[in-house]
Each structure stands twice: as structure tokens, then as C-alpha cells.
Amino acid sequence: MELPFDLTSEQGIFLAAALVVAAFIRGLSGFGFSAIIILLASLVTNPLPLIPVVFACEIAMTAFQARGIFPFIRWGKVLTLLLGSAIAVFPSVALLARLEPDQVRVIIGLLILTLSLLLLSGFSFGRVVGKTGHVLTGVAAGMANSAGVGGLVTAAFFSAQPIEAAVFRATMIVFLTGLDLLTLPVMGSHGLIGPDSVTAFFIAFPLLGFGVWIGSIGFSRISQANFRRLVILLLTVLSIINVAKVIL
């Protein structure tokens, strides 16, 4: 079988394994899927053509999780975040479409490193942030999502507030779905979506449900304190992996 994007069999197997791992993390934490896939993909290929496929996968995974997360969604947060994101998506995607693969990797690495260091420093707002903070975070997430890491920006923002784990996870999932729905048409207008994107999505789809299902089981067994530690650890590990890749 010929794989999309001229991937070899070895690359395809590696990315399939990465997909299951990333879907597990998404099921467990509510975010991280895009960042993990893009980071791991950059080890074996140019990640830029895969970003629209990753976004489509995230949207599909929300359908798998919708029933369990609905009571915990905070729609006010989702809408204010999306308002900010809508402002930033078009110019950031236009810029990314003109960058070289190595430049994309540098951007991703610096974004994740900055966010993880901020959280590791112990930074906290000490309270739930209002609408203005959510709009500004949405702008930052919209810019970062052109490189596939908009969820990490929002996860860092939520981690610095006293938010219940179930609310954190559910609101992240719905916001990221909306953000991806905003970003995909803009990517399409810049020629970043093609027949290979559709083929890759249908190949990936069967693996998503399995990973999300296992991750959701894990979330049901984790405490509030351990959930926050998991989020910060996840952001830190992602930053270390990607920065090491850029440097090396």
C-alpha cells in the first residue's frame, strides 16, 4: 500500500505508534495530541503537511469523548478563547505557510520551552482569570496553533489557575475542537490540505478511538493533584524533546 506524503513503511509504522500514544495522552489530559504528533513526526519527516491531518484527528476524537465531558464544559471560557483565536488564526497561518521546515521546528520548540519553564517556576494567578485574560490567551493560542501547539498555550494558562481537573479537560477538548475548525479552512486556503491529507486521516481514524479509550480510563483513576502534576510534566517533556531535536 502506498502511503500518503511519500512516507516509507518504517515512517508509517513509527507515526502509527506515535498516533496511539498521542491519542492516549489526549484521552487522559484533554490536550497534547497535536504537539506530540508534530514533535515525533519531525524526527522522521517534515511535520508541516501533517498539521491539517492532526487537526482533523483532534476533531474526530472529540466525538469519541463528547458524552463523558459534556457536564464539565465551561462554555463561557470556550467562547472567549475562540474570540481571541479568531483574531490571530489567519495572519499566523499565512506566515507559517511561508516558513521552512527547520524554522517551524524552532518555533515549536521555543513556544513549548517557554510555557513549560513558566509553569515549572511555580507561576500561578492564584484565582480564576476573567474574560479579558481568556481573550488574550485565545489570541496567543490562535497564533501558536498554526504550528500545531495552540493547546499547550491554553493548557499553561489553565494550569496557572485553580480549575477542577474535569473542567480543565472538558473545556480544553471543546476549545481545541473549535480552534481546529477555525484553523483548517485557513490552512486549506493556503494550499496546505490535499488528497494526501484525506487519505492520511482515514488511515489514522481507527487508531484514534483505541488511544482515547485507554486515556479516558486513566483519567477516571487520577486525582486532582496528580492531574496537575501530569500536565506540567507533559509540557516539560515535550519542550525538552523538541528543543533537543532543534539543537541536535
C-alpha atoms as a PDB file:
ATOM      1  CA  MET A   1       0.000   0.000   0.000  1.00  0.00           C
ATOM      2  CA  GLU A   2       1.351   3.409  -0.978  1.00  0.00           C
ATOM      3  CA  LEU A   3       1.387   5.778   1.983  1.00  0.00           C
ATOM      4  CA  PRO A   4       0.487   9.487   1.742  1.00  0.00           C
ATOM      5  CA  PHE A   5       3.135  12.234   1.724  1.00  0.00           C
ATOM      6  CA  ASP A   6       5.637   9.736   0.208  1.00  0.00           C
ATOM      7  CA  LEU A   7       6.174   8.141   3.632  1.00  0.00           C
ATOM      8  CA  THR A   8       8.150   4.901   3.798  1.00  0.00           C
ATOM      9  CA  SER A   9       6.786   1.841   5.603  1.00  0.00           C
ATOM     10  CA  GLU A  10       9.155   2.489   8.518  1.00  0.00           C
ATOM     11  CA  GLN A  11       7.962   6.084   8.809  1.00  0.00           C
ATOM     12  CA  GLY A  12       4.345   4.952   8.622  1.00  0.00           C
ATOM     13  CA  ILE A  13       4.775   2.411  11.438  1.00  0.00           C
ATOM     14  CA  PHE A  14       6.534   4.989  13.606  1.00  0.00           C
ATOM     15  CA  LEU A  15       3.790   7.570  13.046  1.00  0.00           C
ATOM     16  CA  ALA A  16       1.047   4.992  13.725  1.00  0.00           C
ATOM     17  CA  ALA A  17       2.632   4.197  17.097  1.00  0.00           C
ATOM     18  CA  ALA A  18       3.005   7.910  17.802  1.00  0.00           C
ATOM     19  CA  LEU A  19      -0.669   8.381  16.960  1.00  0.00           C
ATOM     20  CA  VAL A  20      -1.830   5.840  19.541  1.00  0.00           C
ATOM     21  CA  VAL A  21       0.422   7.349  22.226  1.00  0.00           C
ATOM     22  CA  ALA A  22      -0.778  10.873  21.447  1.00  0.00           C
ATOM     23  CA  ALA A  23      -4.438   9.789  21.446  1.00  0.00           C
ATOM     24  CA  PHE A  24      -3.881   8.183  24.863  1.00  0.00           C
ATOM     25  CA  ILE A  25      -2.457  11.450  26.211  1.00  0.00           C
ATOM     26  CA  ARG A  26      -5.388  13.365  24.720  1.00  0.00           C
ATOM     27  CA  GLY A  27      -7.851  10.979  26.374  1.00  0.00           C
ATOM     28  CA  LEU A  28      -6.051  11.380  29.686  1.00  0.00           C
ATOM     29  CA  SER A  29      -5.328  15.115  29.778  1.00  0.00           C
ATOM     30  CA  GLY A  30      -7.557  16.759  27.148  1.00  0.00           C
ATOM     31  CA  PHE A  31      -4.635  18.239  25.215  1.00  0.00           C
ATOM     32  CA  GLY A  32      -1.190  17.431  23.850  1.00  0.00           C
ATOM     33  CA  PHE A  33      -2.232  15.343  20.843  1.00  0.00           C
ATOM     34  CA  SER A  34      -1.144  17.836  18.176  1.00  0.00           C
ATOM     35  CA  ALA A  35       2.104  18.742  19.901  1.00  0.00           C
ATOM     36  CA  ILE A  36       3.134  15.116  20.448  1.00  0.00           C
ATOM     37  CA  ILE A  37       2.382  14.034  16.880  1.00  0.00           C
ATOM     38  CA  ILE A  38       4.110  17.041  15.351  1.00  0.00           C
ATOM     39  CA  LEU A  39       7.149  16.694  17.609  1.00  0.00           C
ATOM     40  CA  LEU A  40       7.531  12.981  16.892  1.00  0.00           C
ATOM     41  CA  ALA A  41       6.801  13.418  13.192  1.00  0.00           C
ATOM     42  CA  SER A  42       9.597  15.985  12.979  1.00  0.00           C
ATOM     43  CA  LEU A  43      12.022  13.201  13.922  1.00  0.00           C
ATOM     44  CA  VAL A  44      11.325  11.344  10.678  1.00  0.00           C
ATOM     45  CA  THR A  45       9.764  13.802   8.200  1.00  0.00           C
ATOM     46  CA  ASN A  46       8.666  17.390   7.574  1.00  0.00           C
ATOM     47  CA  PRO A  47       5.762  17.897  10.044  1.00  0.00           C
ATOM     48  CA  LEU A  48       4.131  20.822   8.230  1.00  0.00           C
ATOM     49  CA  PRO A  49       1.950  18.790   5.781  1.00  0.00           C
ATOM     50  CA  LEU A  50       0.727  16.657   8.693  1.00  0.00           C
ATOM     51  CA  ILE A  51      -0.689  19.543  10.747  1.00  0.00           C
ATOM     52  CA  PRO A  52      -4.103  19.632   8.978  1.00  0.00           C
ATOM     53  CA  VAL A  53      -4.389  15.841   9.376  1.00  0.00           C
ATOM     54  CA  VAL A  54      -3.625  16.157  13.076  1.00  0.00           C
ATOM     55  CA  PHE A  55      -6.319  18.817  13.485  1.00  0.00           C
ATOM     56  CA  ALA A  56      -8.886  16.633  11.718  1.00  0.00           C
ATOM     57  CA  CYS A  57      -7.953  13.775  14.065  1.00  0.00           C
ATOM     58  CA  GLU A  58      -8.477  16.018  17.092  1.00  0.00           C
ATOM     59  CA  ILE A  59     -11.960  16.928  15.878  1.00  0.00           C
ATOM     60  CA  ALA A  60     -12.778  13.248  15.398  1.00  0.00           C
ATOM     61  CA  MET A  61     -11.571  12.394  18.904  1.00  0.00           C
ATOM     62  CA  THR A  62     -13.963  14.939  20.402  1.00  0.00           C
ATOM     63  CA  ALA A  63     -16.835  12.857  19.047  1.00  0.00           C
ATOM     64  CA  PHE A  64     -15.444   9.871  20.961  1.00  0.00           C
ATOM     65  CA  GLN A  65     -15.257  11.895  24.193  1.00  0.00           C
ATOM     66  CA  ALA A  66     -18.341  14.112  23.910  1.00  0.00           C
ATOM     67  CA  ARG A  67     -20.663  12.075  26.102  1.00  0.00           C
ATOM     68  CA  GLY A  68     -18.312  11.926  29.072  1.00  0.00           C
ATOM     69  CA  ILE A  69     -17.171  15.554  29.072  1.00  0.00           C
ATOM     70  CA  PHE A  70     -20.411  17.453  28.390  1.00  0.00           C
ATOM     71  CA  PRO A  71     -21.399  18.217  32.026  1.00  0.00           C
ATOM     72  CA  PHE A  72     -17.978  19.735  32.747  1.00  0.00           C
ATOM     73  CA  ILE A  73     -17.641  22.109  29.771  1.00  0.00           C
ATOM     74  CA  ARG A  74     -17.470  25.810  30.652  1.00  0.00           C
ATOM     75  CA  TRP A  75     -18.910  27.384  27.521  1.00  0.00           C
ATOM     76  CA  GLY A  76     -18.113  30.960  28.576  1.00  0.00           C
ATOM     77  CA  LYS A  77     -14.406  30.132  28.673  1.00  0.00           C
ATOM     78  CA  VAL A  78     -14.617  28.323  25.346  1.00  0.00           C
ATOM     79  CA  LEU A  79     -16.311  31.222  23.566  1.00  0.00           C
ATOM     80  CA  THR A  80     -13.974  33.928  24.893  1.00  0.00           C
ATOM     81  CA  LEU A  81     -10.923  31.842  23.984  1.00  0.00           C
ATOM     82  CA  LEU A  82     -12.286  31.293  20.473  1.00  0.00           C
ATOM     83  CA  LEU A  83     -12.970  35.005  20.083  1.00  0.00           C
ATOM     84  CA  GLY A  84      -9.298  35.732  20.647  1.00  0.00           C
ATOM     85  CA  SER A  85      -8.207  32.854  18.430  1.00  0.00           C
ATOM     86  CA  ALA A  86     -10.323  34.062  15.512  1.00  0.00           C
ATOM     87  CA  ILE A  87      -8.324  37.297  15.508  1.00  0.00           C
ATOM     88  CA  ALA A  88      -4.958  35.557  15.211  1.00  0.00           C
ATOM     89  CA  VAL A  89      -5.505  32.455  13.077  1.00  0.00           C
ATOM     90  CA  PHE A  90      -5.394  33.943   9.572  1.00  0.00           C
ATOM     91  CA  PRO A  91      -2.173  36.016   9.817  1.00  0.00           C
ATOM     92  CA  SER A  92      -0.302  33.290  11.722  1.00  0.00           C
ATOM     93  CA  VAL A  93      -1.179  30.549   9.201  1.00  0.00           C
ATOM     94  CA  ALA A  94      -0.218  32.860   6.343  1.00  0.00           C
ATOM     95  CA  LEU A  95       3.183  33.336   7.958  1.00  0.00           C
ATOM     96  CA  LEU A  96       3.705  29.651   8.678  1.00  0.00           C
ATOM     97  CA  ALA A  97       2.892  28.671   5.093  1.00  0.00           C
ATOM     98  CA  ARG A  98       5.971  30.651   4.006  1.00  0.00           C
ATOM     99  CA  LEU A  99       8.432  29.176   6.504  1.00  0.00           C
ATOM    100  CA  GLU A 100      10.972  26.381   6.013  1.00  0.00           C
ATOM    101  CA  PRO A 101      10.608  23.103   7.991  1.00  0.00           C
ATOM    102  CA  ASP A 102      13.568  23.926  10.260  1.00  0.00           C
ATOM    103  CA  GLN A 103      12.034  27.295  11.075  1.00  0.00           C
ATOM    104  CA  VAL A 104       8.778  25.556  12.012  1.00  0.00           C
ATOM    105  CA  ARG A 105      10.663  23.237  14.384  1.00  0.00           C
ATOM    106  CA  VAL A 106      12.421  26.200  16.040  1.00  0.00           C
ATOM    107  CA  ILE A 107       9.112  28.000  16.572  1.00  0.00           C
ATOM    108  CA  ILE A 108       7.515  24.909  18.096  1.00  0.00           C
ATOM    109  CA  GLY A 109      10.498  24.269  20.361  1.00  0.00           C
ATOM    110  CA  LEU A 110      10.701  27.814  21.698  1.00  0.00           C
ATOM    111  CA  LEU A 111       6.961  28.016  22.340  1.00  0.00           C
ATOM    112  CA  ILE A 112       6.826  24.807  24.338  1.00  0.00           C
ATOM    113  CA  LEU A 113      10.039  25.537  26.253  1.00  0.00           C
ATOM    114  CA  THR A 114       8.826  28.974  27.315  1.00  0.00           C
ATOM    115  CA  LEU A 115       5.495  27.626  28.520  1.00  0.00           C
ATOM    116  CA  SER A 116       6.958  24.713  30.473  1.00  0.00           C
ATOM    117  CA  LEU A 117       9.574  26.881  32.170  1.00  0.00           C
ATOM    118  CA  LEU A 118       6.841  29.297  33.202  1.00  0.00           C
ATOM    119  CA  LEU A 119       4.898  26.517  34.899  1.00  0.00           C
ATOM    120  CA  LEU A 120       7.972  24.917  36.466  1.00  0.00           C
ATOM    121  CA  SER A 121       8.832  28.266  38.047  1.00  0.00           C
ATOM    122  CA  GLY A 122       5.693  27.870  40.153  1.00  0.00           C
ATOM    123  CA  PHE A 123       3.837  30.688  38.421  1.00  0.00           C
ATOM    124  CA  SER A 124       0.169  30.916  39.378  1.00  0.00           C
ATOM    125  CA  PHE A 125      -2.576  33.526  39.053  1.00  0.00           C
ATOM    126  CA  GLY A 126      -3.986  32.374  42.365  1.00  0.00           C
ATOM    127  CA  ARG A 127      -7.540  32.831  41.092  1.00  0.00           C
ATOM    128  CA  VAL A 128      -9.766  32.134  38.105  1.00  0.00           C
ATOM    129  CA  VAL A 129      -8.952  34.667  35.363  1.00  0.00           C
ATOM    130  CA  GLY A 130     -11.695  36.787  33.760  1.00  0.00           C
ATOM    131  CA  LYS A 131     -12.827  37.294  30.177  1.00  0.00           C
ATOM    132  CA  THR A 132     -10.020  39.644  29.116  1.00  0.00           C
ATOM    133  CA  GLY A 133      -7.383  37.082  30.079  1.00  0.00           C
ATOM    134  CA  HIS A 134      -9.228  34.395  28.154  1.00  0.00           C
ATOM    135  CA  VAL A 135      -9.453  36.544  25.013  1.00  0.00           C
ATOM    136  CA  LEU A 136      -5.724  37.352  25.157  1.00  0.00           C
ATOM    137  CA  THR A 137      -4.894  33.687  25.700  1.00  0.00           C
ATOM    138  CA  GLY A 138      -7.099  32.849  22.729  1.00  0.00           C
ATOM    139  CA  VAL A 139      -5.047  35.240  20.583  1.00  0.00           C
ATOM    140  CA  ALA A 140      -1.827  33.546  21.696  1.00  0.00           C
ATOM    141  CA  ALA A 141      -3.327  30.084  21.131  1.00  0.00           C
ATOM    142  CA  GLY A 142      -4.531  31.072  17.662  1.00  0.00           C
ATOM    143  CA  MET A 143      -1.032  32.188  16.737  1.00  0.00           C
ATOM    144  CA  ALA A 144       0.571  29.064  18.201  1.00  0.00           C
ATOM    145  CA  ASN A 145      -1.943  26.738  16.547  1.00  0.00           C
ATOM    146  CA  SER A 146      -0.553  27.495  13.114  1.00  0.00           C
ATOM    147  CA  ALA A 147       2.400  25.431  14.360  1.00  0.00           C
ATOM    148  CA  GLY A 148       0.090  22.884  15.994  1.00  0.00           C
ATOM    149  CA  VAL A 149       0.702  23.872  19.629  1.00  0.00           C
ATOM    150  CA  GLY A 150      -2.262  26.097  20.449  1.00  0.00           C
ATOM    151  CA  GLY A 151      -3.388  23.598  23.062  1.00  0.00           C
ATOM    152  CA  LEU A 152      -0.151  23.949  25.011  1.00  0.00           C
ATOM    153  CA  VAL A 153      -0.646  27.702  25.358  1.00  0.00           C
ATOM    154  CA  THR A 154      -4.134  27.173  26.747  1.00  0.00           C
ATOM    155  CA  ALA A 155      -3.043  24.295  28.989  1.00  0.00           C
ATOM    156  CA  ALA A 156      -0.384  26.517  30.550  1.00  0.00           C
ATOM    157  CA  PHE A 157      -2.968  29.259  31.092  1.00  0.00           C
ATOM    158  CA  PHE A 158      -5.428  26.867  32.749  1.00  0.00           C
ATOM    159  CA  SER A 159      -2.685  25.231  34.842  1.00  0.00           C
ATOM    160  CA  ALA A 160      -1.907  28.585  36.447  1.00  0.00           C
ATOM    161  CA  GLN A 161      -5.487  28.793  37.793  1.00  0.00           C
ATOM    162  CA  PRO A 162      -7.409  26.791  40.424  1.00  0.00           C
ATOM    163  CA  ILE A 163      -9.536  24.826  37.941  1.00  0.00           C
ATOM    164  CA  GLU A 164     -11.041  21.394  38.639  1.00  0.00           C
ATOM    165  CA  ALA A 165      -9.401  18.614  36.594  1.00  0.00           C
ATOM    166  CA  ALA A 166     -12.650  17.517  34.903  1.00  0.00           C
ATOM    167  CA  VAL A 167     -13.435  21.137  33.926  1.00  0.00           C
ATOM    168  CA  PHE A 168      -9.864  21.657  32.686  1.00  0.00           C
ATOM    169  CA  ARG A 169     -10.005  18.557  30.495  1.00  0.00           C
ATOM    170  CA  ALA A 170     -13.518  19.058  29.099  1.00  0.00           C
ATOM    171  CA  THR A 171     -13.069  22.763  28.345  1.00  0.00           C
ATOM    172  CA  MET A 172      -9.701  22.126  26.691  1.00  0.00           C
ATOM    173  CA  ILE A 173     -11.183  19.442  24.447  1.00  0.00           C
ATOM    174  CA  VAL A 174     -14.050  21.635  23.239  1.00  0.00           C
ATOM    175  CA  PHE A 175     -11.876  24.721  22.785  1.00  0.00           C
ATOM    176  CA  LEU A 176      -9.279  22.806  20.771  1.00  0.00           C
ATOM    177  CA  THR A 177     -12.018  21.417  18.551  1.00  0.00           C
ATOM    178  CA  GLY A 178     -13.276  24.932  17.856  1.00  0.00           C
ATOM    179  CA  LEU A 179      -9.742  26.189  17.307  1.00  0.00           C
ATOM    180  CA  ASP A 180      -9.020  23.423  14.801  1.00  0.00           C
ATOM    181  CA  LEU A 181     -12.290  24.165  12.992  1.00  0.00           C
ATOM    182  CA  LEU A 182     -11.161  27.794  12.688  1.00  0.00           C
ATOM    183  CA  THR A 183      -7.677  26.873  11.517  1.00  0.00           C
ATOM    184  CA  LEU A 184      -8.392  24.143   8.943  1.00  0.00           C
ATOM    185  CA  PRO A 185     -10.199  26.350   6.351  1.00  0.00           C
ATOM    186  CA  VAL A 186      -7.404  28.925   6.565  1.00  0.00           C
ATOM    187  CA  MET A 187      -4.816  26.203   6.002  1.00  0.00           C
ATOM    188  CA  GLY A 188      -6.841  24.959   3.047  1.00  0.00           C
ATOM    189  CA  SER A 189      -6.847  28.434   1.523  1.00  0.00           C
ATOM    190  CA  HIS A 190      -3.047  28.410   1.657  1.00  0.00           C
ATOM    191  CA  GLY A 191      -2.764  25.070  -0.120  1.00  0.00           C
ATOM    192  CA  LEU A 192      -1.841  23.057   2.974  1.00  0.00           C
ATOM    193  CA  ILE A 193      -4.655  20.490   2.520  1.00  0.00           C
ATOM    194  CA  GLY A 194      -4.770  17.999  -0.342  1.00  0.00           C
ATOM    195  CA  PRO A 195      -5.706  14.415  -1.282  1.00  0.00           C
ATOM    196  CA  ASP A 196      -2.872  13.009   0.854  1.00  0.00           C
ATOM    197  CA  SER A 197      -4.348  14.799   3.874  1.00  0.00           C
ATOM    198  CA  VAL A 198      -7.686  12.994   3.405  1.00  0.00           C
ATOM    199  CA  THR A 199      -6.007   9.609   2.897  1.00  0.00           C
ATOM    200  CA  ALA A 200      -3.862  10.059   5.994  1.00  0.00           C
ATOM    201  CA  PHE A 201      -6.899  10.924   8.102  1.00  0.00           C
ATOM    202  CA  PHE A 202      -8.787   7.761   7.120  1.00  0.00           C
ATOM    203  CA  ILE A 203      -5.705   5.635   7.818  1.00  0.00           C
ATOM    204  CA  ALA A 204      -5.346   7.253  11.238  1.00  0.00           C
ATOM    205  CA  PHE A 205      -9.015   7.142  12.255  1.00  0.00           C
ATOM    206  CA  PRO A 206      -9.187   3.517  13.536  1.00  0.00           C
ATOM    207  CA  LEU A 207      -6.251   4.140  15.875  1.00  0.00           C
ATOM    208  CA  LEU A 208      -7.758   7.227  17.489  1.00  0.00           C
ATOM    209  CA  GLY A 209     -10.641   5.575  19.302  1.00  0.00           C
ATOM    210  CA  PHE A 210      -8.373   2.966  20.863  1.00  0.00           C
ATOM    211  CA  GLY A 211      -5.916   5.522  22.235  1.00  0.00           C
ATOM    212  CA  VAL A 212      -8.626   7.864  23.523  1.00  0.00           C
ATOM    213  CA  TRP A 213     -10.493   4.994  25.192  1.00  0.00           C
ATOM    214  CA  ILE A 214      -7.438   3.899  27.192  1.00  0.00           C
ATOM    215  CA  GLY A 215      -6.608   7.501  28.103  1.00  0.00           C
ATOM    216  CA  SER A 216     -10.138   8.159  29.333  1.00  0.00           C
ATOM    217  CA  ILE A 217      -9.894   5.150  31.627  1.00  0.00           C
ATOM    218  CA  GLY A 218      -6.672   6.581  33.024  1.00  0.00           C
ATOM    219  CA  PHE A 219      -8.309   9.959  33.684  1.00  0.00           C
ATOM    220  CA  SER A 220     -11.095   8.332  35.680  1.00  0.00           C
ATOM    221  CA  ARG A 221      -8.469   6.969  38.065  1.00  0.00           C
ATOM    222  CA  ILE A 222      -6.246  10.033  38.588  1.00  0.00           C
ATOM    223  CA  SER A 223      -6.500  12.530  41.462  1.00  0.00           C
ATOM    224  CA  GLN A 224      -6.791  16.317  41.108  1.00  0.00           C
ATOM    225  CA  ALA A 225      -3.255  16.914  42.404  1.00  0.00           C
ATOM    226  CA  ASN A 226      -1.718  14.233  40.224  1.00  0.00           C
ATOM    227  CA  PHE A 227      -3.581  15.568  37.183  1.00  0.00           C
ATOM    228  CA  ARG A 228      -1.935  18.987  37.538  1.00  0.00           C
ATOM    229  CA  ARG A 229       1.484  17.360  38.005  1.00  0.00           C
ATOM    230  CA  LEU A 230       0.827  15.309  34.877  1.00  0.00           C
ATOM    231  CA  VAL A 231       0.011  18.427  32.850  1.00  0.00           C
ATOM    232  CA  ILE A 232       3.191  20.236  33.914  1.00  0.00           C
ATOM    233  CA  LEU A 233       5.307  17.109  33.392  1.00  0.00           C
ATOM    234  CA  LEU A 234       3.828  16.606  29.934  1.00  0.00           C
ATOM    235  CA  LEU A 235       4.602  20.177  28.910  1.00  0.00           C
ATOM    236  CA  THR A 236       8.145  19.882  30.257  1.00  0.00           C
ATOM    237  CA  VAL A 237       8.890  16.596  28.493  1.00  0.00           C
ATOM    238  CA  LEU A 238       7.554  17.939  25.208  1.00  0.00           C
ATOM    239  CA  SER A 239       9.757  21.017  25.492  1.00  0.00           C
ATOM    240  CA  ILE A 240      12.893  19.012  26.255  1.00  0.00           C
ATOM    241  CA  ILE A 241      12.330  16.609  23.349  1.00  0.00           C
ATOM    242  CA  ASN A 242      11.669  19.334  20.822  1.00  0.00           C
ATOM    243  CA  VAL A 243      14.442  21.700  21.900  1.00  0.00           C
ATOM    244  CA  ALA A 244      16.910  18.794  21.847  1.00  0.00           C
ATOM    245  CA  LYS A 245      15.748  17.997  18.311  1.00  0.00           C
ATOM    246  CA  VAL A 246      16.286  21.610  17.210  1.00  0.00           C
ATOM    247  CA  ILE A 247      19.741  21.833  18.821  1.00  0.00           C
ATOM    248  CA  LEU A 248      20.931  18.460  17.542  1.00  0.00           C
END
